[in-house]
Amino acid sequence: MNLWSRVGTVAAYSSALLLAAVVEGAWAWRLSWGGGAADPVLVVVLVASLRRGPEAGALVGFAGGFLQDLAGGGPLGMVALSKAAVGLGAGTLGRTLALEGPWAPAALAAAASVGGELVELALAGLAGDLTPAWAPWVRGVVVTACDNAVLAALVFAGVRRARRWLGSPRPGGVPEA
């Protein structure tokens, strides 16, 4: 990959992260119910992880989580670390499993949502934050996982169609995102 294609890739993922963070801040919280809401930044992290591998997924996850940390006003770095862990895990999983079919991204997004929330809970415990009330927390995680599964299925279907329309070949060893 030459320098200009790398710059283009970084610009594309940076733009997607910024757009996802703006969308989340502008309307995703308005559509929340049951304590959970869609996380468009997580879907961008999953796309980067599956298309570019675990290292890129961790980097995009950290950058997206850091944007969410800055916008959220909570402890700085907790969401960034959890999104980096999700990006690393999804990229590794994408290299070892064949994630084909329309429902694979939805299942991966649901699992990544739960995993990210568990990492954030563990980090909050290490930082000395009080544990949440379990029933509302679990309900919020389930709602977030379902919202992200639907969002990921739509986004990944759009990415597949765009790649077919542009005639973009599938990279070797990386599942079609």
Foldseek 3Di string as FASTA:
>chain_A
DDDVVVVVVVVVLVVQLVVQLCCCVPPQVVPDDLQATERSLLLSLLVQLLQPALVSSLVSQLVSQQSVCVVVVDDGPLSSNLSSVLSNVSNVCQLPDAQDDLQSQLVSQLVSLVSSVVSSQVVCVVVPHDHDDPPSVVSHSNRHSNNHSVVNSVVLVVQQVVCVVVVPDRDPSRHRD
